[in-house]
Amino acid sequence: MNLMNNVIVEGHLVRDPEAGLTPKGTPFCRFSLAYNNYFKRKDEKEHNNDVSFFDVEVWSDLAEFSEKYLKKGKGIRIVGRLRQDRWTDEKGSNRSKIKIVGQQLDFIPGGRPTASQENKQKEAVQTY
């Protein structure tokens, strides 16, 4: 049985990426994306804003590229897979966190959306 674990997310970087090397010298880079989901109800004129944040980790050549070219506010599309990290905290509680392990990165037009871009996005939202 083939199982699938793929994710594609577009968003804007919340802060500048953090890069480093593993003890064996493999480059890695970590950053967070914010995704804004605009929606409105059929009878309401007001738009609501639902924001989700995603932690992303990239490795090797993609990490070096990300460190060099990504900055806070940059719009990107990340293609990758989900990974769950598990650990025990200092109090002995089991903890976990799901992140995106990026395998492909593309720029999307513009940086942070301007007010006029947000209005265009709001006009194009799905009405239900």
N, C-alpha and C. Protein backbone atom coordinates (compact mmCIF):
# COMPACT_ATOMS: atom_id res chain seq x y z
N MET A 1 0.84 -1.17 0.00
CA MET A 1 0.00 0.00 0.00
C MET A 1 0.89 1.24 0.00
N ASN A 2 0.63 2.15 -0.92
CA ASN A 2 1.35 3.42 -0.96
C ASN A 2 0.58 4.45 -0.15
N LEU A 3 1.24 5.03 0.81
CA LEU A 3 0.64 6.07 1.62
C LEU A 3 1.12 7.42 1.12
N MET A 4 0.27 8.44 1.24
CA MET A 4 0.62 9.76 0.72
C MET A 4 0.81 10.75 1.87
N ASN A 5 1.82 11.57 1.75
CA ASN A 5 2.10 12.63 2.71
C ASN A 5 2.66 13.81 1.92
N ASN A 6 1.77 14.62 1.36
CA ASN A 6 2.16 15.79 0.57
C ASN A 6 1.40 17.00 1.07
N VAL A 7 2.06 18.14 1.00
CA VAL A 7 1.41 19.39 1.40
C VAL A 7 1.94 20.52 0.51
N ILE A 8 1.04 21.44 0.16
CA ILE A 8 1.41 22.66 -0.57
C ILE A 8 0.78 23.82 0.17
N VAL A 9 1.60 24.79 0.54
CA VAL A 9 1.10 25.96 1.26
C VAL A 9 1.72 27.21 0.65
N GLU A 10 0.90 28.23 0.45
CA GLU A 10 1.39 29.56 0.05
C GLU A 10 1.18 30.50 1.22
N GLY A 11 2.15 31.35 1.45
CA GLY A 11 2.03 32.32 2.52
C GLY A 11 3.19 33.29 2.51
N HIS A 12 3.27 34.06 3.56
CA HIS A 12 4.32 35.07 3.71
C HIS A 12 5.14 34.76 4.95
N LEU A 13 6.47 34.94 4.84
CA LEU A 13 7.34 34.67 5.98
C LEU A 13 7.03 35.61 7.13
N VAL A 14 6.93 35.04 8.31
CA VAL A 14 6.61 35.78 9.53
C VAL A 14 7.85 36.52 10.05
N ARG A 15 9.02 35.92 9.84
CA ARG A 15 10.28 36.54 10.27
C ARG A 15 11.39 36.01 9.35
N ASP A 16 12.57 36.59 9.46
CA ASP A 16 13.70 36.12 8.67
C ASP A 16 14.02 34.67 9.03
N PRO A 17 14.48 33.89 8.06
CA PRO A 17 14.81 32.49 8.33
C PRO A 17 15.99 32.36 9.30
N GLU A 18 16.02 31.21 9.98
CA GLU A 18 17.13 30.87 10.87
C GLU A 18 17.85 29.68 10.24
N ALA A 19 19.15 29.84 9.97
CA ALA A 19 19.91 28.80 9.30
C ALA A 19 21.02 28.28 10.20
N GLY A 20 21.47 27.08 9.88
CA GLY A 20 22.56 26.48 10.64
C GLY A 20 23.09 25.25 9.94
N LEU A 21 23.99 24.58 10.62
CA LEU A 21 24.58 23.34 10.12
C LEU A 21 24.42 22.26 11.19
N THR A 22 24.17 21.02 10.73
CA THR A 22 24.15 19.89 11.65
C THR A 22 25.58 19.60 12.07
N PRO A 23 25.79 18.76 13.10
CA PRO A 23 27.17 18.41 13.48
C PRO A 23 27.98 17.79 12.33
N LYS A 24 27.29 17.16 11.37
CA LYS A 24 27.99 16.57 10.22
C LYS A 24 28.14 17.56 9.07
N GLY A 25 27.67 18.82 9.26
CA GLY A 25 27.87 19.86 8.26
C GLY A 25 26.75 20.02 7.24
N THR A 26 25.61 19.39 7.45
CA THR A 26 24.48 19.53 6.53
C THR A 26 23.74 20.83 6.81
N PRO A 27 23.57 21.69 5.81
CA PRO A 27 22.84 22.95 6.02
C PRO A 27 21.34 22.70 6.24
N PHE A 28 20.76 23.47 7.14
CA PHE A 28 19.32 23.48 7.33
C PHE A 28 18.86 24.91 7.52
N CYS A 29 17.58 25.13 7.29
CA CYS A 29 17.01 26.47 7.45
C CYS A 29 15.58 26.29 7.95
N ARG A 30 15.18 27.11 8.90
CA ARG A 30 13.83 27.06 9.47
C ARG A 30 13.19 28.43 9.35
N PHE A 31 11.88 28.42 9.04
CA PHE A 31 11.12 29.65 8.98
C PHE A 31 9.64 29.34 9.19
N SER A 32 8.85 30.38 9.39
CA SER A 32 7.41 30.22 9.58
C SER A 32 6.67 31.01 8.53
N LEU A 33 5.56 30.43 8.05
CA LEU A 33 4.69 31.06 7.07
C LEU A 33 3.36 31.40 7.72
N ALA A 34 2.79 32.53 7.30
CA ALA A 34 1.43 32.88 7.69
C ALA A 34 0.55 32.77 6.45
N TYR A 35 -0.58 32.09 6.60
CA TYR A 35 -1.55 31.93 5.52
C TYR A 35 -2.83 32.61 5.96
N ASN A 36 -3.34 33.55 5.15
CA ASN A 36 -4.57 34.26 5.46
C ASN A 36 -5.72 33.67 4.65
N ASN A 37 -6.74 33.21 5.33
CA ASN A 37 -7.92 32.65 4.67
C ASN A 37 -9.07 33.64 4.86
N TYR A 38 -9.48 34.27 3.77
CA TYR A 38 -10.56 35.24 3.82
C TYR A 38 -11.87 34.56 3.47
N PHE A 39 -12.91 34.90 4.19
CA PHE A 39 -14.23 34.36 3.88
C PHE A 39 -15.29 35.32 4.37
N LYS A 40 -16.49 35.15 3.85
CA LYS A 40 -17.62 35.93 4.33
C LYS A 40 -18.87 35.08 4.22
N ARG A 41 -19.83 35.39 5.02
CA ARG A 41 -21.11 34.69 4.96
C ARG A 41 -21.99 35.40 3.94
N LYS A 42 -22.91 34.67 3.38
CA LYS A 42 -23.72 35.17 2.27
C LYS A 42 -24.43 36.49 2.59
N ASP A 43 -24.99 36.62 3.77
CA ASP A 43 -25.76 37.81 4.10
C ASP A 43 -24.94 38.90 4.80
N GLU A 44 -23.68 38.63 5.05
CA GLU A 44 -22.84 39.60 5.74
C GLU A 44 -21.96 40.34 4.74
N LYS A 45 -21.75 41.62 4.99
CA LYS A 45 -20.86 42.40 4.14
C LYS A 45 -19.43 42.42 4.69
N GLU A 46 -19.29 42.13 5.97
CA GLU A 46 -17.98 42.18 6.60
C GLU A 46 -17.19 40.90 6.29
N HIS A 47 -15.91 41.08 6.02
CA HIS A 47 -15.03 39.94 5.77
C HIS A 47 -14.34 39.57 7.07
N ASN A 48 -14.20 38.30 7.30
CA ASN A 48 -13.49 37.80 8.47
C ASN A 48 -12.12 37.31 8.02
N ASN A 49 -11.17 37.36 8.91
CA ASN A 49 -9.81 36.97 8.58
C ASN A 49 -9.39 35.83 9.50
N ASP A 50 -9.02 34.71 8.92
CA ASP A 50 -8.58 33.53 9.66
C ASP A 50 -7.13 33.27 9.27
N VAL A 51 -6.19 33.42 10.20
CA VAL A 51 -4.77 33.27 9.91
C VAL A 51 -4.25 31.97 10.51
N SER A 52 -3.49 31.21 9.71
CA SER A 52 -2.83 30.00 10.19
C SER A 52 -1.32 30.18 10.02
N PHE A 53 -0.57 29.62 10.95
CA PHE A 53 0.89 29.70 10.92
C PHE A 53 1.47 28.30 10.77
N PHE A 54 2.49 28.16 9.90
CA PHE A 54 3.11 26.88 9.62
C PHE A 54 4.61 26.98 9.79
N ASP A 55 5.20 26.07 10.56
CA ASP A 55 6.65 25.99 10.69
C ASP A 55 7.19 25.13 9.55
N VAL A 56 8.27 25.61 8.92
CA VAL A 56 8.85 24.93 7.76
C VAL A 56 10.33 24.71 8.02
N GLU A 57 10.82 23.57 7.56
CA GLU A 57 12.23 23.23 7.66
C GLU A 57 12.70 22.75 6.29
N VAL A 58 13.82 23.26 5.81
CA VAL A 58 14.40 22.82 4.53
C VAL A 58 15.85 22.45 4.76
N TRP A 59 16.39 21.61 3.85
CA TRP A 59 17.72 21.05 4.04
C TRP A 59 18.60 21.23 2.79
N SER A 60 19.88 21.13 2.99
CA SER A 60 20.91 21.10 1.94
C SER A 60 20.85 22.32 1.03
N ASP A 61 20.79 22.10 -0.30
CA ASP A 61 20.81 23.21 -1.25
C ASP A 61 19.63 24.16 -1.05
N LEU A 62 18.46 23.61 -0.76
CA LEU A 62 17.28 24.45 -0.55
C LEU A 62 17.44 25.30 0.71
N ALA A 63 18.14 24.79 1.70
CA ALA A 63 18.42 25.57 2.92
C ALA A 63 19.35 26.74 2.60
N GLU A 64 20.38 26.49 1.81
CA GLU A 64 21.31 27.56 1.44
C GLU A 64 20.61 28.63 0.61
N PHE A 65 19.76 28.19 -0.32
CA PHE A 65 18.98 29.13 -1.13
C PHE A 65 18.05 29.96 -0.24
N SER A 66 17.37 29.31 0.70
CA SER A 66 16.43 29.99 1.58
C SER A 66 17.12 31.02 2.45
N GLU A 67 18.27 30.65 3.00
CA GLU A 67 19.01 31.59 3.84
C GLU A 67 19.41 32.83 3.04
N LYS A 68 19.77 32.63 1.79
CA LYS A 68 20.26 33.73 0.96
C LYS A 68 19.13 34.65 0.47
N TYR A 69 17.97 34.07 0.07
CA TYR A 69 16.96 34.86 -0.63
C TYR A 69 15.67 35.13 0.13
N LEU A 70 15.41 34.43 1.20
CA LEU A 70 14.15 34.66 1.92
C LEU A 70 14.33 35.70 3.01
N LYS A 71 13.32 36.55 3.13
CA LYS A 71 13.29 37.58 4.16
C LYS A 71 11.86 37.69 4.68
N LYS A 72 11.73 38.27 5.84
CA LYS A 72 10.41 38.50 6.43
C LYS A 72 9.50 39.20 5.42
N GLY A 73 8.26 38.70 5.29
CA GLY A 73 7.27 39.30 4.40
C GLY A 73 7.27 38.72 2.99
N LYS A 74 8.31 37.96 2.61
CA LYS A 74 8.39 37.39 1.26
C LYS A 74 7.29 36.35 1.07
N GLY A 75 6.64 36.41 -0.09
CA GLY A 75 5.60 35.45 -0.42
C GLY A 75 6.18 34.23 -1.12
N ILE A 76 5.88 33.03 -0.59
CA ILE A 76 6.40 31.81 -1.20
C ILE A 76 5.33 30.72 -1.24
N ARG A 77 5.58 29.74 -2.09
CA ARG A 77 4.81 28.49 -2.11
C ARG A 77 5.79 27.39 -1.74
N ILE A 78 5.45 26.60 -0.73
CA ILE A 78 6.31 25.51 -0.31
C ILE A 78 5.60 24.19 -0.58
N VAL A 79 6.32 23.27 -1.19
CA VAL A 79 5.82 21.92 -1.45
C VAL A 79 6.67 20.98 -0.62
N GLY A 80 6.04 20.08 0.12
CA GLY A 80 6.82 19.18 0.95
C GLY A 80 5.96 18.11 1.58
N ARG A 81 6.41 17.68 2.76
CA ARG A 81 5.69 16.64 3.50
C ARG A 81 5.58 17.07 4.95
N LEU A 82 4.65 16.46 5.66
CA LEU A 82 4.49 16.74 7.08
C LEU A 82 5.35 15.78 7.89
N ARG A 83 5.94 16.30 8.99
CA ARG A 83 6.71 15.46 9.90
C ARG A 83 6.32 15.83 11.32
N GLN A 84 6.13 14.83 12.15
CA GLN A 84 5.80 15.05 13.55
C GLN A 84 7.05 14.80 14.39
N ASP A 85 7.50 15.83 15.09
CA ASP A 85 8.61 15.68 16.04
C ASP A 85 8.01 15.37 17.41
N ARG A 86 8.64 14.44 18.13
CA ARG A 86 8.17 14.05 19.47
C ARG A 86 9.33 14.15 20.44
N TRP A 87 9.03 14.62 21.67
CA TRP A 87 10.05 14.72 22.70
C TRP A 87 9.38 14.74 24.07
N THR A 88 10.20 14.60 25.10
CA THR A 88 9.73 14.69 26.48
C THR A 88 10.28 15.98 27.06
N ASP A 89 9.40 16.83 27.60
CA ASP A 89 9.86 18.11 28.14
C ASP A 89 10.49 17.92 29.52
N GLU A 90 10.97 19.04 30.10
CA GLU A 90 11.67 18.99 31.38
C GLU A 90 10.80 18.50 32.53
N LYS A 91 9.47 18.54 32.37
CA LYS A 91 8.55 18.04 33.41
C LYS A 91 8.17 16.58 33.19
N GLY A 92 8.74 15.97 32.13
CA GLY A 92 8.45 14.57 31.84
C GLY A 92 7.20 14.34 31.01
N SER A 93 6.61 15.42 30.50
CA SER A 93 5.41 15.29 29.66
C SER A 93 5.81 15.03 28.21
N ASN A 94 5.05 14.17 27.55
CA ASN A 94 5.28 13.93 26.13
C ASN A 94 4.74 15.10 25.33
N ARG A 95 5.53 15.57 24.40
CA ARG A 95 5.15 16.71 23.56
C ARG A 95 5.34 16.33 22.10
N SER A 96 4.67 17.05 21.21
CA SER A 96 4.87 16.84 19.78
C SER A 96 4.52 18.11 19.03
N LYS A 97 5.05 18.19 17.81
CA LYS A 97 4.80 19.34 16.95
C LYS A 97 4.89 18.86 15.51
N ILE A 98 3.95 19.32 14.68
CA ILE A 98 3.97 18.96 13.27
C ILE A 98 4.53 20.14 12.48
N LYS A 99 5.47 19.83 11.58
CA LYS A 99 6.05 20.87 10.73
C LYS A 99 6.06 20.39 9.29
N ILE A 100 6.31 21.32 8.39
CA ILE A 100 6.45 21.00 6.97
C ILE A 100 7.94 20.86 6.67
N VAL A 101 8.31 19.75 6.06
CA VAL A 101 9.66 19.58 5.57
C VAL A 101 9.61 19.91 4.08
N GLY A 102 10.14 21.07 3.72
CA GLY A 102 10.04 21.57 2.35
C GLY A 102 10.96 20.84 1.40
N GLN A 103 10.42 20.55 0.20
CA GLN A 103 11.20 19.89 -0.83
C GLN A 103 11.29 20.73 -2.10
N GLN A 104 10.39 21.70 -2.23
CA GLN A 104 10.40 22.63 -3.37
C GLN A 104 9.89 23.97 -2.89
N LEU A 105 10.47 25.05 -3.40
CA LEU A 105 10.09 26.39 -2.97
C LEU A 105 9.98 27.27 -4.21
N ASP A 106 8.88 28.01 -4.31
CA ASP A 106 8.67 28.96 -5.40
C ASP A 106 8.27 30.30 -4.80
N PHE A 107 8.69 31.38 -5.46
CA PHE A 107 8.25 32.71 -5.04
C PHE A 107 6.85 32.96 -5.60
N ILE A 108 6.04 33.66 -4.83
CA ILE A 108 4.76 34.14 -5.34
C ILE A 108 4.86 35.64 -5.48
N PRO A 109 4.09 36.25 -6.38
CA PRO A 109 4.22 37.68 -6.63
C PRO A 109 4.04 38.51 -5.36
N GLY A 110 4.87 39.52 -5.25
CA GLY A 110 4.74 40.50 -4.18
C GLY A 110 5.26 40.01 -2.84
N GLY A 111 5.32 40.93 -1.91
CA GLY A 111 5.69 40.60 -0.54
C GLY A 111 4.43 40.56 0.30
N ARG A 112 4.43 41.31 1.36
CA ARG A 112 3.22 41.39 2.17
C ARG A 112 2.11 42.02 1.33
N PRO A 113 0.87 41.51 1.45
CA PRO A 113 -0.20 42.10 0.65
C PRO A 113 -0.45 43.55 1.06
N THR A 114 -0.63 44.41 0.07
CA THR A 114 -1.00 45.79 0.35
C THR A 114 -2.49 45.85 0.63
N ALA A 115 -2.99 46.99 1.09
CA ALA A 115 -4.41 47.13 1.37
C ALA A 115 -5.25 46.86 0.13
N SER A 116 -4.80 47.33 -1.05
CA SER A 116 -5.57 47.10 -2.27
C SER A 116 -5.55 45.63 -2.66
N GLN A 117 -4.42 44.93 -2.44
CA GLN A 117 -4.36 43.50 -2.73
C GLN A 117 -5.28 42.73 -1.79
N GLU A 118 -5.31 43.13 -0.52
CA GLU A 118 -6.21 42.46 0.43
C GLU A 118 -7.66 42.67 0.02
N ASN A 119 -7.99 43.88 -0.45
CA ASN A 119 -9.36 44.13 -0.90
C ASN A 119 -9.71 43.26 -2.10
N LYS A 120 -8.76 43.10 -3.04
CA LYS A 120 -9.00 42.23 -4.19
C LYS A 120 -9.20 40.79 -3.75
N GLN A 121 -8.39 40.34 -2.75
CA GLN A 121 -8.55 38.99 -2.23
C GLN A 121 -9.93 38.84 -1.58
N LYS A 122 -10.34 39.86 -0.86
CA LYS A 122 -11.63 39.79 -0.18
C LYS A 122 -12.78 39.74 -1.18
N GLU A 123 -12.63 40.46 -2.32
CA GLU A 123 -13.67 40.44 -3.33
C GLU A 123 -13.77 39.08 -4.01
N ALA A 124 -12.67 38.33 -4.01
CA ALA A 124 -12.65 37.05 -4.70
C ALA A 124 -12.94 35.86 -3.77
N VAL A 125 -13.32 36.13 -2.53
CA VAL A 125 -13.55 35.04 -1.60
C VAL A 125 -14.78 34.24 -1.94
N GLN A 126 -14.79 33.03 -1.45
CA GLN A 126 -15.94 32.16 -1.67
C GLN A 126 -17.09 32.60 -0.77
N THR A 127 -18.25 32.73 -1.31
CA THR A 127 -19.44 33.06 -0.53
C THR A 127 -20.23 31.79 -0.31
N TYR A 128 -20.65 31.58 0.94
CA TYR A 128 -21.43 30.37 1.21
C TYR A 128 -22.56 30.66 2.16
